[in-house]
Protein backbone atom coordinates (compact mmCIF):
# COMPACT_ATOMS: atom_id res chain seq x y z
CA MET A 1 -61.83 1.84 -16.35
CA ARG A 2 -60.00 4.70 -14.53
CA ASP A 3 -58.12 7.45 -16.51
CA LEU A 4 -54.43 6.96 -16.70
CA GLN A 5 -53.63 10.36 -15.19
CA GLU A 6 -56.02 9.41 -12.04
CA LEU A 7 -54.00 5.96 -11.83
CA ARG A 8 -50.61 7.60 -11.83
CA GLY A 9 -51.94 10.27 -9.00
CA LYS A 10 -52.78 7.01 -7.10
CA LEU A 11 -49.41 5.79 -7.63
CA ASP A 12 -47.61 8.91 -6.60
CA GLU A 13 -49.46 9.04 -3.48
CA ILE A 14 -48.46 5.49 -2.54
CA ASP A 15 -44.91 6.29 -3.26
CA SER A 16 -44.90 9.04 -0.94
CA ARG A 17 -46.30 6.97 1.87
CA ILE A 18 -43.72 4.37 0.99
CA VAL A 19 -40.76 6.95 1.23
CA GLU A 20 -42.15 8.29 4.37
CA LEU A 21 -42.21 4.40 5.86
CA TYR A 22 -38.87 3.79 4.47
CA GLU A 23 -37.13 7.07 6.36
CA GLU A 24 -39.06 6.00 9.38
CA ARG A 25 -37.54 2.36 9.22
CA MET A 26 -34.15 3.60 8.66
CA GLY A 27 -34.29 5.99 11.57
CA ILE A 28 -35.37 2.79 13.60
CA SER A 29 -32.53 1.01 12.03
CA ARG A 30 -30.14 4.12 13.29
CA GLU A 31 -31.40 3.05 16.73
CA VAL A 32 -30.86 -0.62 16.23
CA ALA A 33 -26.95 0.31 15.17
CA GLU A 34 -26.64 2.49 18.38
CA TYR A 35 -27.62 -0.46 20.24
CA LYS A 36 -25.27 -2.79 18.57
CA ILE A 37 -22.39 -0.52 19.22
CA GLN A 38 -23.23 -0.47 22.97
CA THR A 39 -23.50 -4.31 23.15
CA GLY A 40 -20.90 -5.32 20.72
CA LYS A 41 -23.61 -7.60 18.79
CA LYS A 42 -22.73 -8.52 14.90
CA VAL A 43 -24.90 -6.55 12.45
CA LEU A 44 -25.98 -9.42 10.42
CA ASP A 45 -28.60 -11.67 12.21
CA LYS A 46 -29.22 -14.33 9.68
CA ASP A 47 -31.73 -16.13 11.18
CA ARG A 48 -33.73 -13.26 12.16
CA GLU A 49 -33.76 -11.69 8.66
CA LEU A 50 -35.09 -15.39 7.50
CA ALA A 51 -37.96 -15.01 9.60
CA LYS A 52 -38.75 -11.87 8.65
CA LEU A 53 -38.70 -12.50 5.06
CA GLN A 54 -41.12 -15.52 5.76
CA SER A 55 -43.64 -13.39 7.81
CA VAL A 56 -43.86 -10.56 5.39
CA LYS A 57 -44.10 -13.14 2.46
CA ALA A 58 -46.95 -14.64 4.28
CA LEU A 59 -48.87 -11.44 4.39
CA THR A 60 -49.11 -11.34 0.35
CA HIS A 61 -52.13 -12.51 -1.26
CA ASN A 62 -50.85 -14.41 -4.99
CA GLU A 63 -47.33 -16.12 -5.74
CA PHE A 64 -46.12 -13.09 -7.87
CA ASN A 65 -46.75 -10.48 -5.10
CA ASN A 66 -44.82 -13.18 -2.56
CA HIS A 67 -41.68 -13.37 -4.57
CA GLY A 68 -41.73 -9.36 -4.80
CA ILE A 69 -42.06 -8.70 -1.40
CA GLY A 70 -39.32 -11.22 -0.70
CA GLU A 71 -37.16 -9.43 -3.07
CA LEU A 72 -38.11 -5.97 -1.73
CA PHE A 73 -37.48 -6.81 1.73
CA GLU A 74 -34.31 -8.55 0.98
CA GLN A 75 -33.12 -4.83 -0.48
CA ILE A 76 -34.69 -2.86 2.69
CA MET A 77 -32.74 -5.26 5.31
CA SER A 78 -29.79 -4.69 2.95
CA MET A 79 -29.75 -0.99 3.10
CA SER A 80 -30.33 -1.38 6.87
CA ARG A 81 -27.19 -3.31 7.26
CA LYS A 82 -25.27 -0.74 5.44
CA LEU A 83 -26.54 2.00 7.43
CA GLN A 84 -25.41 0.22 10.47
CA TYR A 85 -22.05 -0.54 9.16
CA GLN A 86 -21.76 3.04 8.41
CA LEU A 87 -22.62 4.27 11.80
CA LEU A 88 -20.41 1.47 13.48
CA ALA A 89 -17.42 3.20 11.22
CA GLU A 90 -18.36 6.53 12.55
CA ASN A 91 -18.22 5.46 16.10
CA GLY A 92 -14.79 3.93 15.82
CA SER A 93 -16.45 0.21 15.99
CA GLN A 94 -15.09 -0.58 12.64
CA GLY A 95 -11.91 -2.26 13.71
CA LYS A 96 -8.32 -2.04 12.15
CA LEU A 97 -7.30 -3.75 8.88
CA PRO A 98 -4.09 -5.76 9.56
CA PHE A 99 -2.43 -3.72 6.88
CA ILE A 100 0.45 -1.43 7.51
CA GLN A 101 0.58 2.05 5.11
CA VAL A 102 3.92 2.65 3.74
CA ASN A 103 5.41 5.47 1.61
CA ASP A 104 7.48 3.60 -0.70
CA LEU A 105 8.38 -0.48 -1.16
CA ASP A 106 12.07 -1.29 0.10
CA VAL A 107 13.44 -2.51 -3.01
CA LYS A 108 16.85 -1.10 -3.14
CA LYS A 109 18.37 -4.43 -1.26
CA ALA A 110 15.63 -6.40 -2.03
CA ARG A 111 15.94 -10.10 -3.48
CA VAL A 112 13.23 -10.86 -6.20
CA VAL A 113 12.23 -14.32 -7.70
CA PHE A 114 10.66 -14.84 -10.62
CA GLN A 115 9.40 -18.23 -12.50
CA GLY A 116 11.24 -19.51 -15.46
CA ALA A 117 14.46 -19.01 -16.88
CA GLU A 118 16.98 -16.16 -17.84
CA GLY A 119 14.85 -14.53 -20.64
CA ALA A 120 11.26 -15.21 -19.16
CA TYR A 121 8.69 -12.39 -19.72
CA SER A 122 8.76 -12.32 -15.94
CA GLN A 123 12.39 -11.45 -15.80
CA ALA A 124 11.30 -8.22 -18.31
CA ALA A 125 8.39 -7.36 -16.23
CA MET A 126 10.97 -7.56 -12.95
CA ALA A 127 13.25 -5.50 -14.67
CA LYS A 128 10.71 -2.74 -15.64
CA TYR A 129 9.28 -2.56 -12.11
CA PHE A 130 12.53 -2.97 -10.11
CA GLY A 131 15.37 -1.85 -12.48
CA ASP A 132 18.13 -3.57 -14.12
CA GLN A 133 20.53 -3.85 -11.20
CA VAL A 134 17.90 -5.58 -9.16
CA HIS A 135 19.26 -8.75 -7.28
CA SER A 136 17.21 -11.75 -8.46
CA PHE A 137 17.05 -15.51 -9.17
CA HIS A 138 14.50 -17.64 -10.80
CA VAL A 139 12.91 -21.02 -9.89
CA ASP A 140 10.98 -23.60 -11.83
CA THR A 141 7.30 -23.08 -10.93
CA PHE A 142 5.01 -20.75 -9.61
CA ARG A 143 4.45 -22.47 -6.56
CA ASP A 144 8.27 -22.32 -5.75
CA ALA A 145 8.27 -18.40 -6.20
CA MET A 146 5.44 -18.24 -3.74
CA SER A 147 7.36 -20.42 -1.54
CA ALA A 148 10.54 -18.40 -1.51
CA ILE A 149 8.67 -15.05 -0.41
CA GLU A 150 6.95 -17.09 2.27
CA GLU A 151 10.15 -18.52 3.65
CA GLY A 152 11.97 -15.44 3.30
CA SER A 153 14.71 -16.31 0.92
CA ALA A 154 13.04 -13.55 -1.60
CA ASP A 155 11.32 -10.37 -0.45
CA PHE A 156 9.45 -10.06 -3.88
CA ALA A 157 8.16 -12.45 -6.32
CA VAL A 158 7.00 -11.36 -9.61
CA LEU A 159 3.95 -13.38 -11.10
CA PRO A 160 1.85 -13.18 -14.48
CA ILE A 161 -1.58 -12.80 -13.21
CA GLU A 162 -3.48 -12.26 -16.73
CA ASN A 163 -3.03 -11.86 -20.14
CA SER A 164 -5.28 -9.56 -22.17
CA SER A 165 -5.95 -12.25 -24.90
CA ALA A 166 -5.52 -15.61 -23.16
CA GLY A 167 -7.29 -14.72 -20.02
CA ILE A 168 -6.19 -15.42 -16.17
CA VAL A 169 -3.28 -17.74 -15.08
CA SER A 170 -5.55 -19.62 -12.75
CA GLU A 171 -2.75 -21.44 -10.93
CA ASN A 172 -1.56 -18.37 -9.44
CA TYR A 173 -5.29 -17.19 -8.42
CA ASP A 174 -5.35 -20.60 -6.62
CA LEU A 175 -1.87 -19.85 -4.85
CA LEU A 176 -2.89 -16.31 -3.77
CA VAL A 177 -5.30 -18.18 -1.56
CA GLU A 178 -3.23 -20.79 -0.50
CA PHE A 179 -0.10 -18.89 0.73
CA GLU A 180 -0.15 -15.97 3.29
CA ASN A 181 1.63 -13.65 0.60
CA TYR A 182 0.08 -10.22 -0.49
CA ILE A 183 0.03 -8.19 -3.69
CA VAL A 184 1.88 -4.92 -3.39
CA GLY A 185 2.38 -3.69 -7.17
CA GLU A 186 1.67 -4.66 -10.71
CA GLN A 187 3.50 -4.31 -13.82
CA ILE A 188 2.00 -4.55 -17.19
CA ILE A 189 4.21 -5.40 -20.37
CA LYS A 190 3.64 -5.74 -23.99
CA ILE A 191 4.06 -8.98 -25.19
CA GLU A 192 5.49 -9.75 -28.94
CA HIS A 193 6.04 -13.35 -29.43
CA CYS A 194 8.84 -14.59 -31.80
CA LEU A 195 9.50 -17.88 -33.54
CA LEU A 196 13.13 -18.62 -32.34
CA GLY A 197 15.49 -21.28 -33.91
CA THR A 198 19.01 -22.31 -34.06
CA SER A 199 21.44 -20.59 -36.39
CA GLY A 200 21.06 -21.32 -40.16
CA THR A 201 17.23 -22.67 -39.32
CA THR A 202 14.78 -21.87 -41.92
CA ILE A 203 11.02 -21.96 -41.29
CA GLN A 204 11.00 -24.63 -43.79
CA ASP A 205 12.87 -26.99 -41.52
CA ILE A 206 10.76 -26.71 -38.62
CA ARG A 207 8.52 -29.62 -37.45
CA THR A 208 8.03 -28.95 -33.75
CA VAL A 209 7.16 -25.87 -31.77
CA TYR A 210 7.72 -25.63 -27.94
CA SER A 211 6.37 -22.83 -25.89
CA HIS A 212 4.19 -22.20 -22.69
CA PRO A 213 0.57 -23.36 -23.16
CA GLN A 214 -0.64 -19.71 -23.20
CA SER A 215 1.85 -18.47 -25.61
CA LEU A 216 0.77 -21.24 -27.84
CA MET A 217 -2.89 -20.35 -27.66
CA GLN A 218 -1.96 -16.30 -28.21
CA CYS A 219 -0.12 -17.55 -31.44
CA ALA A 220 -2.75 -20.25 -32.47
CA ARG A 221 -3.49 -18.37 -36.17
CA TYR A 222 0.02 -18.57 -37.19
CA LEU A 223 0.54 -21.93 -35.83
CA ASN A 224 -2.27 -23.75 -37.15
CA GLY A 225 -1.39 -22.13 -40.59
CA GLN A 226 1.70 -24.01 -40.80
CA SER A 227 1.39 -27.52 -42.16
CA GLY A 228 2.16 -30.63 -39.72
CA TRP A 229 3.94 -28.34 -37.10
CA LYS A 230 3.70 -30.19 -33.57
CA GLN A 231 3.08 -28.12 -30.59
CA ILE A 232 4.32 -29.10 -27.35
CA SER A 233 3.82 -27.18 -23.95
CA MET A 234 6.58 -26.14 -21.84
CA GLN A 235 6.45 -24.71 -18.31
CA ASN A 236 7.82 -21.43 -19.61
CA ASN A 237 8.60 -19.76 -22.95
CA ALA A 238 12.35 -19.26 -21.70
CA PHE A 239 12.63 -22.95 -20.93
CA ALA A 240 11.51 -23.62 -24.59
CA ALA A 241 14.27 -21.07 -25.95
CA ARG A 242 16.75 -22.95 -23.80
CA LYS A 243 15.78 -26.45 -25.03
CA VAL A 244 15.94 -25.43 -28.60
CA ALA A 245 19.65 -23.80 -27.91
CA GLU A 246 20.90 -26.72 -26.03
CA GLU A 247 19.68 -29.52 -28.74
CA LYS A 248 20.66 -27.47 -31.67
CA ASN A 249 18.24 -29.32 -33.84
CA LYS A 250 17.00 -27.41 -36.94
CA THR A 251 13.41 -28.98 -36.82
CA GLN A 252 12.61 -27.40 -33.50
CA ALA A 253 11.73 -23.94 -32.82
CA ALA A 254 10.28 -21.96 -29.55
CA ILE A 255 7.90 -19.29 -29.20
CA ALA A 256 9.35 -16.91 -26.88
CA SER A 257 10.67 -13.07 -26.63
CA ALA A 258 13.38 -11.31 -28.58
CA TYR A 259 15.27 -11.05 -25.69
CA ALA A 260 15.32 -14.93 -24.61
CA GLY A 261 16.49 -15.12 -28.32
CA GLU A 262 19.50 -12.88 -27.59
CA ILE A 263 20.13 -14.76 -24.12
CA TYR A 264 20.48 -18.15 -25.69
CA GLY A 265 21.89 -17.24 -29.13
CA LEU A 266 18.72 -18.28 -31.15
CA ASP A 267 17.93 -16.25 -34.29
CA VAL A 268 14.36 -14.73 -34.93
CA LEU A 269 12.94 -16.39 -37.72
CA GLU A 270 9.70 -14.28 -37.52
CA ARG A 271 8.71 -11.34 -35.10
CA GLY A 272 5.53 -10.47 -33.98
CA VAL A 273 3.50 -13.90 -34.44
CA ASN A 274 1.04 -13.54 -31.76
CA ASP A 275 -2.60 -13.46 -32.98
CA CYS A 276 -3.15 -9.84 -31.42
CA SER A 277 -0.81 -7.02 -31.78
CA THR A 278 -1.94 -5.27 -28.61
CA ASN A 279 -1.12 -8.37 -26.43
CA SER A 280 -0.44 -7.47 -22.81
CA THR A 281 0.35 -9.41 -19.69
CA ARG A 282 -0.18 -7.93 -16.07
CA PHE A 283 2.21 -9.29 -13.61
CA ILE A 284 1.70 -8.55 -9.91
CA ILE A 285 4.45 -8.12 -7.17
CA VAL A 286 3.75 -10.25 -4.26
CA SER A 287 5.46 -9.86 -0.66
CA ASN A 288 4.78 -11.66 2.55
CA GLN A 289 4.45 -8.38 4.33
CA LYS A 290 0.88 -7.01 5.06
CA ILE A 291 1.68 -3.57 3.48
CA PHE A 292 0.02 -1.23 0.95
CA LEU A 293 1.56 1.98 -0.41
CA LYS A 294 0.04 5.25 0.59
CA ASP A 295 -1.02 6.38 -3.06
CA ALA A 296 -2.33 2.52 -3.82
CA LYS A 297 -5.32 2.66 -6.05
CA LYS A 298 -6.93 -0.84 -6.36
CA VAL A 299 -7.94 -3.30 -3.86
CA SER A 300 -8.04 -7.23 -4.58
CA ILE A 301 -9.96 -9.59 -2.53
CA CYS A 302 -11.45 -12.99 -2.70
CA PHE A 303 -14.36 -14.73 -0.89
CA GLU A 304 -16.92 -17.46 -0.80
CA ILE A 305 -20.67 -17.09 -0.60
CA PRO A 306 -23.56 -19.79 -0.38
CA HIS A 307 -24.42 -21.52 -3.37
CA GLU A 308 -28.02 -20.03 -3.68
CA SER A 309 -30.06 -17.58 -5.75
CA GLY A 310 -29.48 -14.09 -5.25
CA SER A 311 -26.23 -14.20 -3.20
CA LEU A 312 -23.73 -12.73 -5.28
CA TYR A 313 -26.09 -9.79 -6.42
CA HIS A 314 -26.53 -9.19 -2.70
CA ILE A 315 -22.71 -9.10 -2.18
CA LEU A 316 -22.08 -6.72 -5.05
CA SER A 317 -24.47 -4.27 -3.62
CA HIS A 318 -21.68 -3.10 -1.08
CA PHE A 319 -19.63 -1.74 -3.83
CA ILE A 320 -22.60 0.46 -5.33
CA TYR A 321 -23.64 1.32 -1.91
CA ASN A 322 -20.11 3.04 -1.00
CA ASN A 323 -19.64 4.18 -4.95
CA LEU A 324 -16.66 2.00 -5.44
CA ASN A 325 -15.75 0.95 -9.16
CA MET A 326 -15.54 -2.60 -9.53
CA THR A 327 -12.94 -3.19 -12.11
CA LYS A 328 -12.59 -7.31 -12.32
CA ILE A 329 -14.37 -10.26 -11.11
CA GLU A 330 -13.36 -14.03 -11.77
CA SER A 331 -14.44 -17.07 -10.19
CA ARG A 332 -12.57 -20.11 -9.39
CA PRO A 333 -13.80 -23.78 -8.58
CA MET A 334 -13.32 -24.75 -4.87
CA GLU A 335 -11.67 -28.20 -4.86
CA GLY A 336 -13.76 -30.92 -3.20
CA ARG A 337 -17.00 -28.66 -3.41
CA ASN A 338 -18.70 -29.57 -6.79
CA TRP A 339 -20.37 -26.20 -8.25
CA GLU A 340 -19.20 -23.97 -5.72
CA TYR A 341 -16.80 -21.17 -6.48
CA ARG A 342 -14.59 -18.72 -4.90
CA PHE A 343 -14.79 -15.18 -6.45
CA PHE A 344 -11.99 -12.68 -6.84
CA ILE A 345 -12.81 -9.05 -7.33
CA ASP A 346 -10.54 -6.12 -8.00
CA PHE A 347 -12.23 -2.51 -7.24
CA ASP A 348 -10.79 0.94 -7.09
CA GLY A 349 -9.57 2.24 -3.67
CA ASN A 350 -7.40 2.36 -0.94
CA LEU A 351 -7.66 0.68 2.62
CA ALA A 352 -7.76 4.00 4.24
CA ASP A 353 -10.66 5.00 2.52
CA SER A 354 -13.81 4.98 4.78
CA ALA A 355 -15.80 3.74 1.74
CA VAL A 356 -13.41 0.64 1.36
CA LYS A 357 -13.50 0.37 4.89
CA ASN A 358 -17.45 0.22 5.11
CA ALA A 359 -17.37 -1.95 1.95
CA LEU A 360 -14.73 -4.41 3.67
CA ARG A 361 -16.55 -4.59 6.76
CA GLY A 362 -20.14 -5.62 4.97
CA LEU A 363 -18.28 -8.13 2.90
CA ARG A 364 -16.56 -9.72 5.72
CA GLU A 365 -19.69 -10.10 7.75
CA GLU A 366 -21.63 -11.40 4.87
CA THR A 367 -19.30 -13.74 2.78
CA ALA A 368 -17.35 -16.76 4.17
CA ASN A 369 -13.36 -16.70 4.37
CA MET A 370 -13.10 -12.93 2.75
CA ARG A 371 -9.41 -12.06 2.39
CA ILE A 372 -7.64 -8.91 1.34
CA LEU A 373 -5.03 -10.26 -1.14
CA GLY A 374 -3.79 -6.52 -1.50
CA ASN A 375 -3.71 -3.00 -2.30
CA TYR A 376 -1.28 -1.60 -4.72
């Protein structure tokens, strides 16, 4: 048996040769990129890569090495592509992103739509982002809000996208894909749910509580601790408050904001009934214009990838190679395609940054139906 130091010495020699061969190979990849710049050929040649993987795996002598060589060469070819994307960008072959950079959003005469009724948390988020004097109107559904900006009856829509305790608002993720609308801003507000009832109502009177399903979920500990209360879902917290106010039934209560209680003349029976005292909701500001602010710091995208081993792993390498910090990843099932998913990713950056452009170029070539949802 050879000495450990001797074995390590041999590994060092082999590793040096691997590095030398890797750099030689990347030099050839640079020449390939130059050829593709001249001829306009795409960087990714999937058939060529698959054939290459089969040929190098066939050179191995056992199953373990066969799998390892396949994984190694997938990474080598991935690095080669990233070098080629970078060189294409440096030579002006990157292509322009169809988004216009602006210094400020034109909000002075803007018409803003939010979902729900007067007193909704969306209205509070809108007021915080646009100011109290904003010209606004409300609609019944998230889809109605998206339609309003798509058809031009509103300039911006304010939509909840995720809650710190209840998670994402999945419907709005799906609507971002369905509509040609884009995120241009975001607003985070603290959520304090209150139990609201008509004048003179006591907690002992209550038999039914109305609210949005996520709000009921966020107050589950409190609600489940009450004996015999029936929980009924509504489209919006403000709708729930309005219903209780209109029906003037002391057995009914709503979970909504104190602001909604003021608007509809309801008493706050108990304040802060949500399970988590640090509960917050992130709202997105959506427009039908492909614009982004000069100082935007977050990019949101979505894409589809093959339903096969390692596909997401290879796609995420574009963020690592370009030193981009990915802050969020979500998946949504694709309608009519069992066990296939669309991925939504947020990452730090600006569409004017070269690293962001490089990553998006690679993602566009190596995914299906990649869309930039916004930079804000």
